[in-house]
Protein backbone atom coordinates (compact mmCIF):
# COMPACT_ATOMS: atom_id res chain seq x y z
CA MET A 1 0.00 0.00 0.00
CA THR A 2 1.33 3.43 -0.92
CA LEU A 3 0.57 6.77 0.61
CA PRO A 4 -1.53 9.27 -1.35
CA ARG A 5 0.08 12.50 -2.49
CA PHE A 6 0.13 15.07 0.29
CA GLU A 7 -2.05 17.40 -1.80
CA THR A 8 -4.68 14.65 -1.94
CA LEU A 9 -4.69 14.46 1.87
CA ILE A 10 -5.31 18.19 2.03
CA GLU A 11 -8.17 17.97 -0.47
CA ARG A 12 -9.79 15.06 1.37
CA HIS A 13 -9.39 16.22 4.96
CA HIS A 14 -8.96 20.01 5.10
CA ASP A 15 -12.60 20.85 5.81
CA GLU A 16 -13.08 18.21 8.50
CA ILE A 17 -9.80 19.15 10.23
CA TYR A 18 -10.87 22.80 10.14
CA GLY A 19 -14.28 21.90 11.59
CA TYR A 20 -12.66 19.82 14.31
CA LEU A 21 -10.25 22.61 15.27
CA TRP A 22 -13.07 25.16 15.13
CA GLN A 23 -14.95 23.11 17.71
CA MET A 24 -11.86 22.44 19.82
CA LEU A 25 -10.94 26.14 19.94
CA ARG A 26 -14.50 27.48 20.03
CA GLY A 27 -14.99 30.17 22.62
CA THR A 28 -11.27 30.76 23.12
CA GLY A 29 -10.80 33.53 20.57
CA LEU A 30 -8.19 31.43 18.77
CA ASP A 31 -8.48 31.27 14.98
CA ALA A 32 -9.17 27.73 13.79
CA GLN A 33 -8.01 28.58 10.26
CA ASP A 34 -4.55 29.54 11.55
CA TYR A 35 -4.27 26.29 13.47
CA THR A 36 -5.56 24.29 10.51
CA GLN A 37 -2.71 25.74 8.46
CA GLU A 38 -0.27 25.00 11.27
CA ALA A 39 -1.52 21.40 11.47
CA PHE A 40 -1.04 20.87 7.74
CA MET A 41 2.40 22.50 7.87
CA ARG A 42 3.43 20.10 10.65
CA ALA A 43 1.94 17.22 8.66
CA TYR A 44 3.85 18.27 5.55
CA GLN A 45 7.11 18.34 7.49
CA ALA A 46 6.45 14.88 8.99
CA TYR A 47 4.95 13.33 5.85
CA PRO A 48 8.22 11.79 4.57
CA ARG A 49 8.44 9.77 7.81
CA LEU A 50 4.87 8.44 7.59
CA ARG A 51 4.64 4.69 7.06
CA ALA A 52 2.80 3.45 3.99
CA ASP A 53 0.32 1.44 6.09
CA SER A 54 -0.63 4.38 8.32
CA ASN A 55 -4.17 5.62 8.85
CA CYS A 56 -3.67 9.09 7.34
CA ARG A 57 -6.93 10.49 8.71
CA ALA A 58 -6.12 9.51 12.31
CA TRP A 59 -2.55 10.78 11.82
CA LEU A 60 -3.87 14.19 10.70
CA TYR A 61 -6.26 14.33 13.65
CA LYS A 62 -3.38 13.55 16.01
CA ILE A 63 -1.42 16.46 14.58
CA ALA A 64 -4.49 18.75 14.74
CA THR A 65 -5.14 17.69 18.34
CA ASN A 66 -1.54 18.47 19.26
CA CYS A 67 -1.88 21.90 17.62
CA ALA A 68 -5.04 22.54 19.65
CA TYR A 69 -3.33 21.37 22.87
CA SER A 70 -0.40 23.70 22.19
CA ALA A 71 -2.69 26.62 21.45
CA LEU A 72 -4.78 26.05 24.56
CA ARG A 73 -1.69 25.67 26.74
CA ARG A 74 -0.18 28.88 25.40
CA GLY A 75 -3.48 30.56 26.13
CA GLN A 76 -3.26 32.83 23.13
CA ARG A 77 -6.23 35.11 22.78
CA GLU A 78 -7.31 36.85 19.61
CA THR A 79 -10.42 38.91 19.06
CA ASP A 80 -12.49 37.36 16.32
CA LEU A 81 -16.04 38.54 15.83
CA ASP A 82 -16.76 35.62 13.50
CA GLU A 83 -16.72 33.29 16.52
CA THR A 84 -20.16 34.63 17.48
CA LEU A 85 -21.77 33.47 14.23
CA THR A 86 -23.06 30.01 13.52
CA ALA A 87 -20.88 27.74 11.36
CA ASP A 88 -22.53 28.92 8.13
CA GLY A 89 -22.66 32.56 9.23
CA LEU A 90 -26.47 32.66 9.34
CA ALA A 91 -28.88 32.96 12.22
CA PRO A 92 -30.63 29.65 12.94
CA PRO A 93 -34.16 29.30 11.50
CA GLU A 94 -37.05 29.76 13.95
CA GLU A 95 -38.33 26.23 13.50
CA THR A 96 -35.09 24.77 14.83
CA ALA A 97 -34.71 27.18 17.76
CA GLY A 98 -35.32 24.50 20.41
CA LEU A 99 -32.80 22.11 18.92
CA ASN A 100 -30.30 24.91 18.48
CA MET A 101 -30.66 25.84 22.15
CA VAL A 102 -29.91 22.26 23.20
CA LEU A 103 -26.96 22.06 20.80
CA GLU A 104 -25.60 25.36 22.02
CA ALA A 105 -25.89 24.19 25.62
CA ALA A 106 -24.12 20.94 24.70
CA PHE A 107 -21.28 22.80 22.97
CA GLN A 108 -20.92 25.12 25.95
CA ILE A 109 -20.55 22.07 28.19
CA ILE A 110 -18.09 20.47 25.74
CA GLU A 111 -15.97 23.64 25.94
CA THR A 112 -15.58 23.08 29.69
CA LEU A 113 -14.47 19.44 29.40
CA PRO A 114 -10.83 18.48 29.91
CA VAL A 115 -9.05 18.68 26.56
CA LYS A 116 -8.70 14.92 25.98
CA GLN A 117 -12.36 14.31 26.81
CA ARG A 118 -13.38 17.17 24.52
CA ALA A 119 -11.28 15.81 21.67
CA ALA A 120 -12.45 12.23 22.19
CA VAL A 121 -16.17 13.01 22.32
CA MET A 122 -15.92 15.23 19.24
CA MET A 123 -14.01 12.61 17.28
CA ARG A 124 -16.49 9.91 18.27
CA HIS A 125 -19.83 11.69 18.03
CA ILE A 126 -19.18 14.50 15.56
CA GLU A 127 -16.50 13.06 13.28
CA GLY A 128 -17.57 9.40 13.52
CA PHE A 129 -14.20 7.95 14.55
CA GLU A 130 -13.84 4.39 15.80
CA TYR A 131 -12.23 3.98 19.22
CA HIS A 132 -8.97 2.65 17.81
CA GLU A 133 -8.72 5.79 15.63
CA ILE A 134 -9.37 8.03 18.64
CA ALA A 135 -6.69 6.14 20.58
CA GLN A 136 -4.23 6.63 17.73
CA ALA A 137 -5.06 10.35 17.40
CA LEU A 138 -4.82 10.99 21.16
CA ASP A 139 -1.80 8.74 21.63
CA CYS A 140 -3.49 6.61 24.27
CA SER A 141 -4.87 3.10 24.61
CA GLU A 142 -8.24 2.16 23.12
CA GLU A 143 -9.49 1.62 26.67
CA SER A 144 -8.48 5.19 27.59
CA ALA A 145 -10.18 6.52 24.46
CA ARG A 146 -13.40 4.75 25.50
CA ALA A 147 -13.06 6.16 29.02
CA HIS A 148 -12.56 9.72 27.72
CA VAL A 149 -15.69 9.44 25.56
CA SER A 150 -17.71 7.81 28.34
CA LEU A 151 -16.77 10.41 30.94
CA ALA A 152 -17.54 13.24 28.53
CA VAL A 153 -20.94 11.79 27.58
CA ARG A 154 -21.88 11.23 31.23
CA ARG A 155 -20.99 14.80 32.11
CA LEU A 156 -22.92 16.11 29.10
CA ARG A 157 -26.01 14.12 30.08
CA ARG A 158 -25.80 15.16 33.71
CA GLU A 159 -25.36 18.86 32.99
CA LEU A 160 -28.03 18.93 30.28
CA GLU A 161 -30.45 17.24 32.69
CA ASP A 162 -29.57 19.80 35.36
CA GLN A 163 -30.26 22.63 32.89
CA ARG A 164 -33.58 21.07 31.91
CA ARG A 165 -34.71 21.05 35.57
CA ILE A 166 -34.04 24.76 35.98
């Protein structure tokens, strides 16, 4: 098995890596586009060392996750008014207001999760990763990946239930 051209990886995965970083960095003021570029620059530099049998998607997510970790640790803050808009830049339609309120509450809770739990639950439930892919991306065991997802989901459920009671 041979690796695809690096340009092909960018074409296939750019948008999902951007979306993942946008969610990881949401509410921090950090620009997901900048960190998407940084992730692909790091990937480009490491690409010659990538084994032919590697899962390229999980490898890219691992790099993106490391970029997000670094950004969050550095605590960089940038003012970006676009962060207040929805993903498509439009206000949500009235008929989906209830669902949007629940989703917004869920994303606010996700923002407060420990970084590995946040990454794991997003990879599993937003990006559709399998646990072995999450483990590879987070550089942990599959059991740890399952634990990160489970803890995050339990906290989400508990806090959403608490909000519903109020």
